[in-house]
Amino acid sequence: MAETIDIQLKKGVLGLCVLALLARNESYSYEIASTLSDAIGMGEGTIYPLMRRMQSDGWVETRLVESSSGPSRKYYRLTQAGHDALAAQATEWRGFARAVDALLDAASSETQEG
């Protein structure tokens, strides 16, 4: 059961993580996937559909950059709508995280008292 919750939590926050990465600087899908794999354990396969959806939502725009080591890379960068989405989602996430932390703190206090 814990694995299911873990995977679902990661999938739920993945878009926010991508927006946060792209707010720092533009990047291409494999680099985004690699960073997220290291940070939160999400695989490459989940990134590509997400990037297409973000592009169709108008949150990111792309440009092709020639690569000396293979095919051209599609770089993604946030649009103003993407920056707005990041700000809104970050606010929601922080409120959610505070609420979860409060529940965990209360449970921890009760466990220590009991």
PDB file of N, CA and C in Angstrom:
ATOM      1  N   MET A   1       0.829  -1.208   0.000  1.00  0.00           N
ATOM      2  CA  MET A   1       0.000   0.000   0.000  1.00  0.00           C
ATOM      3  C   MET A   1       0.865   1.259   0.000  1.00  0.00           C
ATOM      4  N   ALA A   2       1.938   1.268   0.749  1.00  0.00           N
ATOM      5  CA  ALA A   2       2.795   2.454   0.821  1.00  0.00           C
ATOM      6  C   ALA A   2       3.355   2.818  -0.540  1.00  0.00           C
ATOM      7  N   GLU A   3       3.696   1.830  -1.366  1.00  0.00           N
ATOM      8  CA  GLU A   3       4.222   2.122  -2.692  1.00  0.00           C
ATOM      9  C   GLU A   3       3.187   2.836  -3.541  1.00  0.00           C
ATOM     10  N   THR A   4       1.931   2.418  -3.467  1.00  0.00           N
ATOM     11  CA  THR A   4       0.874   3.058  -4.241  1.00  0.00           C
ATOM     12  C   THR A   4       0.741   4.527  -3.848  1.00  0.00           C
ATOM     13  N   ILE A   5       0.740   4.802  -2.567  1.00  0.00           N
ATOM     14  CA  ILE A   5       0.649   6.185  -2.106  1.00  0.00           C
ATOM     15  C   ILE A   5       1.866   6.964  -2.577  1.00  0.00           C
ATOM     16  N   ASP A   6       3.026   6.383  -2.450  1.00  0.00           N
ATOM     17  CA  ASP A   6       4.260   7.042  -2.851  1.00  0.00           C
ATOM     18  C   ASP A   6       4.230   7.404  -4.334  1.00  0.00           C
ATOM     19  N   ILE A   7       3.866   6.472  -5.171  1.00  0.00           N
ATOM     20  CA  ILE A   7       3.805   6.713  -6.617  1.00  0.00           C
ATOM     21  C   ILE A   7       2.760   7.775  -6.941  1.00  0.00           C
ATOM     22  N   GLN A   8       1.607   7.689  -6.324  1.00  0.00           N
ATOM     23  CA  GLN A   8       0.544   8.651  -6.600  1.00  0.00           C
ATOM     24  C   GLN A   8       0.935  10.057  -6.146  1.00  0.00           C
ATOM     25  N   LEU A   9       1.591  10.159  -5.011  1.00  0.00           N
ATOM     26  CA  LEU A   9       2.059  11.473  -4.549  1.00  0.00           C
ATOM     27  C   LEU A   9       3.055  12.062  -5.538  1.00  0.00           C
ATOM     28  N   LYS A  10       3.983  11.250  -5.994  1.00  0.00           N
ATOM     29  CA  LYS A  10       4.988  11.722  -6.946  1.00  0.00           C
ATOM     30  C   LYS A  10       4.339  12.175  -8.248  1.00  0.00           C
ATOM     31  N   LYS A  11       3.414  11.379  -8.751  1.00  0.00           N
ATOM     32  CA  LYS A  11       2.732  11.760  -9.993  1.00  0.00           C
ATOM     33  C   LYS A  11       1.960  13.058  -9.807  1.00  0.00           C
ATOM     34  N   GLY A  12       1.365  13.226  -8.639  1.00  0.00           N
ATOM     35  CA  GLY A  12       0.578  14.419  -8.385  1.00  0.00           C
ATOM     36  C   GLY A  12       1.392  15.691  -8.314  1.00  0.00           C
ATOM     37  N   VAL A  13       2.619  15.585  -7.890  1.00  0.00           N
ATOM     38  CA  VAL A  13       3.467  16.762  -7.713  1.00  0.00           C
ATOM     39  C   VAL A  13       4.443  16.955  -8.878  1.00  0.00           C
ATOM     40  N   LEU A  14       4.458  16.031  -9.804  1.00  0.00           N
ATOM     41  CA  LEU A  14       5.418  16.071 -10.899  1.00  0.00           C
ATOM     42  C   LEU A  14       5.327  17.358 -11.721  1.00  0.00           C
ATOM     43  N   GLY A  15       4.124  17.779 -12.069  1.00  0.00           N
ATOM     44  CA  GLY A  15       3.953  18.999 -12.849  1.00  0.00           C
ATOM     45  C   GLY A  15       4.527  20.211 -12.135  1.00  0.00           C
ATOM     46  N   LEU A  16       4.276  20.301 -10.841  1.00  0.00           N
ATOM     47  CA  LEU A  16       4.816  21.405 -10.045  1.00  0.00           C
ATOM     48  C   LEU A  16       6.342  21.375 -10.056  1.00  0.00           C
ATOM     49  N   CYS A  17       6.914  20.182  -9.937  1.00  0.00           N
ATOM     50  CA  CYS A  17       8.378  20.060  -9.953  1.00  0.00           C
ATOM     51  C   CYS A  17       8.955  20.500 -11.295  1.00  0.00           C
ATOM     52  N   VAL A  18       8.306  20.113 -12.387  1.00  0.00           N
ATOM     53  CA  VAL A  18       8.781  20.516 -13.718  1.00  0.00           C
ATOM     54  C   VAL A  18       8.695  22.032 -13.869  1.00  0.00           C
ATOM     55  N   LEU A  19       7.592  22.615 -13.448  1.00  0.00           N
ATOM     56  CA  LEU A  19       7.461  24.074 -13.523  1.00  0.00           C
ATOM     57  C   LEU A  19       8.565  24.753 -12.720  1.00  0.00           C
ATOM     58  N   ALA A  20       8.856  24.220 -11.531  1.00  0.00           N
ATOM     59  CA  ALA A  20       9.901  24.811 -10.687  1.00  0.00           C
ATOM     60  C   ALA A  20      11.277  24.692 -11.352  1.00  0.00           C
ATOM     61  N   LEU A  21      11.555  23.559 -11.972  1.00  0.00           N
ATOM     62  CA  LEU A  21      12.834  23.404 -12.678  1.00  0.00           C
ATOM     63  C   LEU A  21      12.949  24.393 -13.828  1.00  0.00           C
ATOM     64  N   LEU A  22      11.878  24.526 -14.600  1.00  0.00           N
ATOM     65  CA  LEU A  22      11.911  25.412 -15.760  1.00  0.00           C
ATOM     66  C   LEU A  22      11.910  26.886 -15.369  1.00  0.00           C
ATOM     67  N   ALA A  23      11.481  27.199 -14.159  1.00  0.00           N
ATOM     68  CA  ALA A  23      11.535  28.590 -13.692  1.00  0.00           C
ATOM     69  C   ALA A  23      12.988  29.011 -13.487  1.00  0.00           C
ATOM     70  N   ARG A  24      13.865  28.045 -13.186  1.00  0.00           N
ATOM     71  CA  ARG A  24      15.285  28.337 -12.997  1.00  0.00           C
ATOM     72  C   ARG A  24      15.980  28.577 -14.326  1.00  0.00           C
ATOM     73  N   ASN A  25      15.730  27.688 -15.295  1.00  0.00           N
ATOM     74  CA  ASN A  25      16.300  27.856 -16.629  1.00  0.00           C
ATOM     75  C   ASN A  25      15.656  26.856 -17.590  1.00  0.00           C
ATOM     76  N   GLU A  26      15.743  27.159 -18.871  1.00  0.00           N
ATOM     77  CA  GLU A  26      15.165  26.267 -19.858  1.00  0.00           C
ATOM     78  C   GLU A  26      15.933  24.947 -19.876  1.00  0.00           C
ATOM     79  N   SER A  27      15.262  23.896 -20.353  1.00  0.00           N
ATOM     80  CA  SER A  27      15.873  22.578 -20.331  1.00  0.00           C
ATOM     81  C   SER A  27      15.191  21.690 -21.357  1.00  0.00           C
ATOM     82  N   TYR A  28      15.798  20.544 -21.633  1.00  0.00           N
ATOM     83  CA  TYR A  28      15.195  19.571 -22.546  1.00  0.00           C
ATOM     84  C   TYR A  28      14.699  18.364 -21.735  1.00  0.00           C
ATOM     85  N   SER A  29      13.821  17.579 -22.333  1.00  0.00           N
ATOM     86  CA  SER A  29      13.103  16.532 -21.605  1.00  0.00           C
ATOM     87  C   SER A  29      14.007  15.558 -20.875  1.00  0.00           C
ATOM     88  N   TYR A  30      15.039  15.073 -21.543  1.00  0.00           N
ATOM     89  CA  TYR A  30      15.903  14.083 -20.890  1.00  0.00           C
ATOM     90  C   TYR A  30      16.589  14.682 -19.663  1.00  0.00           C
ATOM     91  N   GLU A  31      17.023  15.923 -19.758  1.00  0.00           N
ATOM     92  CA  GLU A  31      17.667  16.585 -18.622  1.00  0.00           C
ATOM     93  C   GLU A  31      16.668  16.773 -17.475  1.00  0.00           C
ATOM     94  N   ILE A  32      15.450  17.152 -17.808  1.00  0.00           N
ATOM     95  CA  ILE A  32      14.391  17.289 -16.794  1.00  0.00           C
ATOM     96  C   ILE A  32      14.142  15.945 -16.128  1.00  0.00           C
ATOM     97  N   ALA A  33      13.996  14.897 -16.948  1.00  0.00           N
ATOM     98  CA  ALA A  33      13.736  13.556 -16.420  1.00  0.00           C
ATOM     99  C   ALA A  33      14.878  13.083 -15.527  1.00  0.00           C
ATOM    100  N   SER A  34      16.098  13.342 -15.935  1.00  0.00           N
ATOM    101  CA  SER A  34      17.262  12.928 -15.160  1.00  0.00           C
ATOM    102  C   SER A  34      17.301  13.638 -13.807  1.00  0.00           C
ATOM    103  N   THR A  35      17.037  14.928 -13.817  1.00  0.00           N
ATOM    104  CA  THR A  35      17.019  15.703 -12.575  1.00  0.00           C
ATOM    105  C   THR A  35      15.929  15.190 -11.638  1.00  0.00           C
ATOM    106  N   LEU A  36      14.733  14.933 -12.184  1.00  0.00           N
ATOM    107  CA  LEU A  36      13.629  14.462 -11.352  1.00  0.00           C
ATOM    108  C   LEU A  36      13.843  13.031 -10.881  1.00  0.00           C
ATOM    109  N   SER A  37      14.519  12.243 -11.687  1.00  0.00           N
ATOM    110  CA  SER A  37      14.842  10.879 -11.266  1.00  0.00           C
ATOM    111  C   SER A  37      15.754  10.918 -10.048  1.00  0.00           C
ATOM    112  N   ASP A  38      16.744  11.791 -10.084  1.00  0.00           N
ATOM    113  CA  ASP A  38      17.665  11.932  -8.949  1.00  0.00           C
ATOM    114  C   ASP A  38      16.960  12.512  -7.728  1.00  0.00           C
ATOM    115  N   ALA A  39      16.088  13.495  -7.952  1.00  0.00           N
ATOM    116  CA  ALA A  39      15.466  14.217  -6.830  1.00  0.00           C
ATOM    117  C   ALA A  39      14.316  13.450  -6.184  1.00  0.00           C
ATOM    118  N   ILE A  40      13.416  12.895  -7.010  1.00  0.00           N
ATOM    119  CA  ILE A  40      12.218  12.270  -6.435  1.00  0.00           C
ATOM    120  C   ILE A  40      11.931  10.877  -6.977  1.00  0.00           C
ATOM    121  N   GLY A  41      12.832  10.350  -7.789  1.00  0.00           N
ATOM    122  CA  GLY A  41      12.681   8.979  -8.257  1.00  0.00           C
ATOM    123  C   GLY A  41      11.647   8.763  -9.347  1.00  0.00           C
ATOM    124  N   MET A  42      11.344   9.791 -10.116  1.00  0.00           N
ATOM    125  CA  MET A  42      10.388   9.637 -11.217  1.00  0.00           C
ATOM    126  C   MET A  42      11.137   9.328 -12.499  1.00  0.00           C
ATOM    127  N   GLY A  43      10.614   8.395 -13.272  1.00  0.00           N
ATOM    128  CA  GLY A  43      11.266   7.950 -14.490  1.00  0.00           C
ATOM    129  C   GLY A  43      10.988   8.833 -15.686  1.00  0.00           C
ATOM    130  N   GLU A  44      11.765   8.591 -16.722  1.00  0.00           N
ATOM    131  CA  GLU A  44      11.711   9.368 -17.956  1.00  0.00           C
ATOM    132  C   GLU A  44      10.367   9.259 -18.668  1.00  0.00           C
ATOM    133  N   GLY A  45       9.742   8.094 -18.612  1.00  0.00           N
ATOM    134  CA  GLY A  45       8.502   7.864 -19.344  1.00  0.00           C
ATOM    135  C   GLY A  45       7.354   8.765 -18.936  1.00  0.00           C
ATOM    136  N   THR A  46       7.386   9.275 -17.730  1.00  0.00           N
ATOM    137  CA  THR A  46       6.296  10.130 -17.254  1.00  0.00           C
ATOM    138  C   THR A  46       6.448  11.579 -17.704  1.00  0.00           C
ATOM    139  N   ILE A  47       7.650  11.947 -18.135  1.00  0.00           N
ATOM    140  CA  ILE A  47       7.923  13.348 -18.470  1.00  0.00           C
ATOM    141  C   ILE A  47       7.352  13.744 -19.828  1.00  0.00           C
ATOM    142  N   TYR A  48       7.521  12.896 -20.830  1.00  0.00           N
ATOM    143  CA  TYR A  48       7.154  13.287 -22.191  1.00  0.00           C
ATOM    144  C   TYR A  48       5.667  13.623 -22.354  1.00  0.00           C
ATOM    145  N   PRO A  49       4.744  12.804 -21.844  1.00  0.00           N
ATOM    146  CA  PRO A  49       3.325  13.199 -21.945  1.00  0.00           C
ATOM    147  C   PRO A  49       3.034  14.496 -21.186  1.00  0.00           C
ATOM    148  N   LEU A  50       3.687  14.665 -20.044  1.00  0.00           N
ATOM    149  CA  LEU A  50       3.499  15.879 -19.252  1.00  0.00           C
ATOM    150  C   LEU A  50       3.969  17.108 -20.022  1.00  0.00           C
ATOM    151  N   MET A  51       5.111  16.999 -20.691  1.00  0.00           N
ATOM    152  CA  MET A  51       5.641  18.133 -21.442  1.00  0.00           C
ATOM    153  C   MET A  51       4.708  18.496 -22.601  1.00  0.00           C
ATOM    154  N   ARG A  52       4.162  17.490 -23.270  1.00  0.00           N
ATOM    155  CA  ARG A  52       3.203  17.756 -24.354  1.00  0.00           C
ATOM    156  C   ARG A  52       1.962  18.468 -23.816  1.00  0.00           C
ATOM    157  N   ARG A  53       1.476  18.008 -22.659  1.00  0.00           N
ATOM    158  CA  ARG A  53       0.292  18.642 -22.061  1.00  0.00           C
ATOM    159  C   ARG A  53       0.583  20.078 -21.653  1.00  0.00           C
ATOM    160  N   MET A  54       1.745  20.317 -21.067  1.00  0.00           N
ATOM    161  CA  MET A  54       2.111  21.681 -20.661  1.00  0.00           C
ATOM    162  C   MET A  54       2.230  22.591 -21.881  1.00  0.00           C
ATOM    163  N   GLN A  55       2.729  22.039 -22.975  1.00  0.00           N
ATOM    164  CA  GLN A  55       2.833  22.841 -24.196  1.00  0.00           C
ATOM    165  C   GLN A  55       1.441  23.153 -24.745  1.00  0.00           C
ATOM    166  N   SER A  56       0.558  22.171 -24.755  1.00  0.00           N
ATOM    167  CA  SER A  56      -0.787  22.428 -25.274  1.00  0.00           C
ATOM    168  C   SER A  56      -1.583  23.353 -24.355  1.00  0.00           C
ATOM    169  N   ASP A  57      -1.254  23.354 -23.062  1.00  0.00           N
ATOM    170  CA  ASP A  57      -1.901  24.273 -22.108  1.00  0.00           C
ATOM    171  C   ASP A  57      -1.329  25.686 -22.197  1.00  0.00           C
ATOM    172  N   GLY A  58      -0.234  25.843 -22.946  1.00  0.00           N
ATOM    173  CA  GLY A  58       0.379  27.152 -23.087  1.00  0.00           C
ATOM    174  C   GLY A  58       1.310  27.525 -21.947  1.00  0.00           C
ATOM    175  N   TRP A  59       1.716  26.550 -21.132  1.00  0.00           N
ATOM    176  CA  TRP A  59       2.588  26.830 -19.992  1.00  0.00           C
ATOM    177  C   TRP A  59       4.051  26.845 -20.372  1.00  0.00           C
ATOM    178  N   VAL A  60       4.396  26.150 -21.468  1.00  0.00           N
ATOM    179  CA  VAL A  60       5.783  26.126 -21.941  1.00  0.00           C
ATOM    180  C   VAL A  60       5.801  26.390 -23.439  1.00  0.00           C
ATOM    181  N   GLU A  61       6.930  26.895 -23.888  1.00  0.00           N
ATOM    182  CA  GLU A  61       7.182  27.019 -25.321  1.00  0.00           C
ATOM    183  C   GLU A  61       8.494  26.319 -25.601  1.00  0.00           C
ATOM    184  N   THR A  62       8.699  25.963 -26.857  1.00  0.00           N
ATOM    185  CA  THR A  62       9.875  25.168 -27.199  1.00  0.00           C
ATOM    186  C   THR A  62      10.701  25.835 -28.280  1.00  0.00           C
ATOM    187  N   ARG A  63      11.949  25.377 -28.354  1.00  0.00           N
ATOM    188  CA  ARG A  63      12.831  25.748 -29.453  1.00  0.00           C
ATOM    189  C   ARG A  63      13.788  24.591 -29.667  1.00  0.00           C
ATOM    190  N   LEU A  64      14.160  24.364 -30.922  1.00  0.00           N
ATOM    191  CA  LEU A  64      15.104  23.298 -31.244  1.00  0.00           C
ATOM    192  C   LEU A  64      16.525  23.841 -31.225  1.00  0.00           C
ATOM    193  N   VAL A  65      17.426  23.079 -30.637  1.00  0.00           N
ATOM    194  CA  VAL A  65      18.833  23.453 -30.554  1.00  0.00           C
ATOM    195  C   VAL A  65      19.643  22.296 -31.126  1.00  0.00           C
ATOM    196  N   GLU A  66      20.506  22.617 -32.083  1.00  0.00           N
ATOM    197  CA  GLU A  66      21.375  21.600 -32.677  1.00  0.00           C
ATOM    198  C   GLU A  66      22.283  21.019 -31.600  1.00  0.00           C
ATOM    199  N   SER A  67      22.532  19.717 -31.703  1.00  0.00           N
ATOM    200  CA  SER A  67      23.407  19.042 -30.750  1.00  0.00           C
ATOM    201  C   SER A  67      24.577  18.420 -31.494  1.00  0.00           C
ATOM    202  N   SER A  68      25.764  18.567 -30.942  1.00  0.00           N
ATOM    203  CA  SER A  68      26.944  17.975 -31.566  1.00  0.00           C
ATOM    204  C   SER A  68      27.000  16.469 -31.328  1.00  0.00           C
ATOM    205  N   SER A  69      26.215  15.971 -30.385  1.00  0.00           N
ATOM    206  CA  SER A  69      26.268  14.553 -30.035  1.00  0.00           C
ATOM    207  C   SER A  69      25.021  13.775 -30.450  1.00  0.00           C
ATOM    208  N   GLY A  70      24.281  14.269 -31.418  1.00  0.00           N
ATOM    209  CA  GLY A  70      23.089  13.549 -31.857  1.00  0.00           C
ATOM    210  C   GLY A  70      22.063  14.479 -32.454  1.00  0.00           C
ATOM    211  N   PRO A  71      20.793  14.057 -32.419  1.00  0.00           N
ATOM    212  CA  PRO A  71      19.743  14.891 -33.010  1.00  0.00           C
ATOM    213  C   PRO A  71      19.518  16.189 -32.233  1.00  0.00           C
ATOM    214  N   SER A  72      18.839  17.114 -32.866  1.00  0.00           N
ATOM    215  CA  SER A  72      18.510  18.380 -32.200  1.00  0.00           C
ATOM    216  C   SER A  72      17.704  18.109 -30.942  1.00  0.00           C
ATOM    217  N   ARG A  73      17.877  18.967 -29.964  1.00  0.00           N
ATOM    218  CA  ARG A  73      17.130  18.848 -28.711  1.00  0.00           C
ATOM    219  C   ARG A  73      16.041  19.907 -28.666  1.00  0.00           C
ATOM    220  N   LYS A  74      14.894  19.495 -28.143  1.00  0.00           N
ATOM    221  CA  LYS A  74      13.784  20.428 -27.960  1.00  0.00           C
ATOM    222  C   LYS A  74      13.888  20.987 -26.540  1.00  0.00           C
ATOM    223  N   TYR A  75      14.203  22.264 -26.442  1.00  0.00           N
ATOM    224  CA  TYR A  75      14.298  22.933 -25.147  1.00  0.00           C
ATOM    225  C   TYR A  75      12.958  23.551 -24.788  1.00  0.00           C
ATOM    226  N   TYR A  76      12.603  23.438 -23.513  1.00  0.00           N
ATOM    227  CA  TYR A  76      11.356  23.991 -22.993  1.00  0.00           C
ATOM    228  C   TYR A  76      11.679  25.170 -22.086  1.00  0.00           C
ATOM    229  N   ARG A  77      10.838  26.194 -22.158  1.00  0.00           N
ATOM    230  CA  ARG A  77      10.942  27.314 -21.224  1.00  0.00           C
ATOM    231  C   ARG A  77       9.529  27.750 -20.863  1.00  0.00           C
ATOM    232  N   LEU A  78       9.417  28.314 -19.672  1.00  0.00           N
ATOM    233  CA  LEU A  78       8.102  28.745 -19.186  1.00  0.00           C
ATOM    234  C   LEU A  78       7.611  29.979 -19.933  1.00  0.00           C
ATOM    235  N   THR A  79       6.324  29.985 -20.193  1.00  0.00           N
ATOM    236  CA  THR A  79       5.659  31.190 -20.689  1.00  0.00           C
ATOM    237  C   THR A  79       5.160  31.955 -19.462  1.00  0.00           C
ATOM    238  N   GLN A  80       4.556  33.099 -19.691  1.00  0.00           N
ATOM    239  CA  GLN A  80       3.967  33.835 -18.562  1.00  0.00           C
ATOM    240  C   GLN A  80       2.873  32.995 -17.901  1.00  0.00           C
ATOM    241  N   ALA A  81       2.101  32.289 -18.711  1.00  0.00           N
ATOM    242  CA  ALA A  81       1.062  31.405 -18.152  1.00  0.00           C
ATOM    243  C   ALA A  81       1.693  30.310 -17.291  1.00  0.00           C
ATOM    244  N   GLY A  82       2.855  29.825 -17.694  1.00  0.00           N
ATOM    245  CA  GLY A  82       3.565  28.823 -16.909  1.00  0.00           C
ATOM    246  C   GLY A  82       4.049  29.377 -15.585  1.00  0.00           C
ATOM    247  N   HIS A  83       4.564  30.606 -15.607  1.00  0.00           N
ATOM    248  CA  HIS A  83       4.979  31.257 -14.360  1.00  0.00           C
ATOM    249  C   HIS A  83       3.777  31.461 -13.447  1.00  0.00           C
ATOM    250  N   ASP A  84       2.641  31.846 -14.025  1.00  0.00           N
ATOM    251  CA  ASP A  84       1.419  32.033 -13.235  1.00  0.00           C
ATOM    252  C   ASP A  84       0.949  30.708 -12.632  1.00  0.00           C
ATOM    253  N   ALA A  85       1.019  29.635 -13.429  1.00  0.00           N
ATOM    254  CA  ALA A  85       0.625  28.311 -12.942  1.00  0.00           C
ATOM    255  C   ALA A  85       1.544  27.867 -11.807  1.00  0.00           C
ATOM    256  N   LEU A  86       2.839  28.119 -11.956  1.00  0.00           N
ATOM    257  CA  LEU A  86       3.790  27.769 -10.906  1.00  0.00           C
ATOM    258  C   LEU A  86       3.448  28.510  -9.611  1.00  0.00           C
ATOM    259  N   ALA A  87       3.191  29.791  -9.701  1.00  0.00           N
ATOM    260  CA  ALA A  87       2.877  30.572  -8.501  1.00  0.00           C
ATOM    261  C   ALA A  87       1.612  30.036  -7.814  1.00  0.00           C
ATOM    262  N   ALA A  88       0.584  29.755  -8.597  1.00  0.00           N
ATOM    263  CA  ALA A  88      -0.676  29.254  -8.033  1.00  0.00           C
ATOM    264  C   ALA A  88      -0.483  27.869  -7.410  1.00  0.00           C
ATOM    265  N   GLN A  89       0.214  26.988  -8.115  1.00  0.00           N
ATOM    266  CA  GLN A  89       0.419  25.641  -7.602  1.00  0.00           C
ATOM    267  C   GLN A  89       1.339  25.623  -6.387  1.00  0.00           C
ATOM    268  N   ALA A  90       2.334  26.486  -6.376  1.00  0.00           N
ATOM    269  CA  ALA A  90       3.243  26.555  -5.226  1.00  0.00           C
ATOM    270  C   ALA A  90       2.480  26.998  -3.974  1.00  0.00           C
ATOM    271  N   THR A  91       1.592  27.955  -4.135  1.00  0.00           N
ATOM    272  CA  THR A  91       0.773  28.402  -3.003  1.00  0.00           C
ATOM    273  C   THR A  91      -0.107  27.260  -2.493  1.00  0.00           C
ATOM    274  N   GLU A  92      -0.749  26.550  -3.415  1.00  0.00           N
ATOM    275  CA  GLU A  92      -1.590  25.410  -3.027  1.00  0.00           C
ATOM    276  C   GLU A  92      -0.757  24.330  -2.344  1.00  0.00           C
ATOM    277  N   TRP A  93       0.415  24.023  -2.910  1.00  0.00           N
ATOM    278  CA  TRP A  93       1.269  22.978  -2.343  1.00  0.00           C
ATOM    279  C   TRP A  93       1.690  23.341  -0.919  1.00  0.00           C
ATOM    280  N   ARG A  94       2.107  24.581  -0.718  1.00  0.00           N
ATOM    281  CA  ARG A  94       2.576  24.984   0.612  1.00  0.00           C
ATOM    282  C   ARG A  94       1.457  24.879   1.650  1.00  0.00           C
ATOM    283  N   GLY A  95       0.245  25.267   1.276  1.00  0.00           N
ATOM    284  CA  GLY A  95      -0.889  25.125   2.190  1.00  0.00           C
ATOM    285  C   GLY A  95      -1.184  23.667   2.491  1.00  0.00           C
ATOM    286  N   PHE A  96      -1.150  22.831   1.461  1.00  0.00           N
ATOM    287  CA  PHE A  96      -1.370  21.403   1.620  1.00  0.00           C
ATOM    288  C   PHE A  96      -0.291  20.785   2.512  1.00  0.00           C
ATOM    289  N   ALA A  97       0.961  21.135   2.246  1.00  0.00           N
ATOM    290  CA  ALA A  97       2.074  20.586   3.027  1.00  0.00           C
ATOM    291  C   ALA A  97       1.975  21.007   4.492  1.00  0.00           C
ATOM    292  N   ARG A  98       1.571  22.256   4.746  1.00  0.00           N
ATOM    293  CA  ARG A  98       1.396  22.704   6.141  1.00  0.00           C
ATOM    294  C   ARG A  98       0.307  21.891   6.834  1.00  0.00           C
ATOM    295  N   ALA A  99      -0.790  21.629   6.130  1.00  0.00           N
ATOM    296  CA  ALA A  99      -1.884  20.855   6.719  1.00  0.00           C
ATOM    297  C   ALA A  99      -1.447  19.423   7.024  1.00  0.00           C
ATOM    298  N   VAL A 100      -0.712  18.808   6.101  1.00  0.00           N
ATOM    299  CA  VAL A 100      -0.212  17.450   6.322  1.00  0.00           C
ATOM    300  C   VAL A 100       0.775  17.448   7.481  1.00  0.00           C
ATOM    301  N   ASP A 101       1.675  18.425   7.507  1.00  0.00           N
ATOM    302  CA  ASP A 101       2.642  18.518   8.599  1.00  0.00           C
ATOM    303  C   ASP A 101       1.938  18.657   9.950  1.00  0.00           C
ATOM    304  N   ALA A 102       0.880  19.454  10.003  1.00  0.00           N
ATOM    305  CA  ALA A 102       0.138  19.631  11.256  1.00  0.00           C
ATOM    306  C   ALA A 102      -0.469  18.305  11.709  1.00  0.00           C
ATOM    307  N   LEU A 103      -1.017  17.547  10.779  1.00  0.00           N
ATOM    308  CA  LEU A 103      -1.591  16.237  11.119  1.00  0.00           C
ATOM    309  C   LEU A 103      -0.505  15.284  11.609  1.00  0.00           C
ATOM    310  N   LEU A 104       0.629  15.290  10.938  1.00  0.00           N
ATOM    311  CA  LEU A 104       1.727  14.412  11.342  1.00  0.00           C
ATOM    312  C   LEU A 104       2.283  14.811  12.703  1.00  0.00           C
ATOM    313  N   ASP A 105       2.405  16.115  12.937  1.00  0.00           N
ATOM    314  CA  ASP A 105       2.892  16.589  14.233  1.00  0.00           C
ATOM    315  C   ASP A 105       1.947  16.189  15.352  1.00  0.00           C
ATOM    316  N   ALA A 106       0.646  16.320  15.108  1.00  0.00           N
ATOM    317  CA  ALA A 106      -0.348  15.940  16.116  1.00  0.00           C
ATOM    318  C   ALA A 106      -0.284  14.435  16.391  1.00  0.00           C
ATOM    319  N   ALA A 107      -0.141  13.644  15.341  1.00  0.00           N
ATOM    320  CA  ALA A 107      -0.045  12.197  15.521  1.00  0.00           C
ATOM    321  C   ALA A 107       1.220  11.827  16.283  1.00  0.00           C
ATOM    322  N   SER A 108       2.299  12.513  15.989  1.00  0.00           N
ATOM    323  CA  SER A 108       3.575  12.253  16.672  1.00  0.00           C
ATOM    324  C   SER A 108       3.466  12.605  18.139  1.00  0.00           C
ATOM    325  N   SER A 109       2.802  13.716  18.454  1.00  0.00           N
ATOM    326  CA  SER A 109       2.628  14.131  19.857  1.00  0.00           C
ATOM    327  C   SER A 109       1.776  13.123  20.606  1.00  0.00           C
ATOM    328  N   GLU A 110       0.711  12.634  19.990  1.00  0.00           N
ATOM    329  CA  GLU A 110      -0.163  11.657  20.628  1.00  0.00           C
ATOM    330  C   GLU A 110       0.562  10.349  20.846  1.00  0.00           C
ATOM    331  N   THR A 111       1.414   9.960  19.911  1.00  0.00           N
ATOM    332  CA  THR A 111       2.168   8.710  20.032  1.00  0.00           C
ATOM    333  C   THR A 111       3.148   8.816  21.193  1.00  0.00           C
ATOM    334  N   GLN A 112       3.775   9.983  21.348  1.00  0.00           N
ATOM    335  CA  GLN A 112       4.756  10.173  22.418  1.00  0.00           C
ATOM    336  C   GLN A 112       4.068  10.217  23.788  1.00  0.00           C
ATOM    337  N   GLU A 113       2.860  10.785  23.823  1.00  0.00           N
ATOM    338  CA  GLU A 113       2.131  10.889  25.087  1.00  0.00           C
ATOM    339  C   GLU A 113       1.542   9.544  25.506  1.00  0.00           C
ATOM    340  N   GLY A 114       1.145   8.742  24.491  1.00  0.00           N
ATOM    341  CA  GLY A 114       0.437   7.480  24.775  1.00  0.00           C
ATOM    342  C   GLY A 114       1.345   6.392  25.071  1.00  0.00           C
TER     343      GLY A 114
END
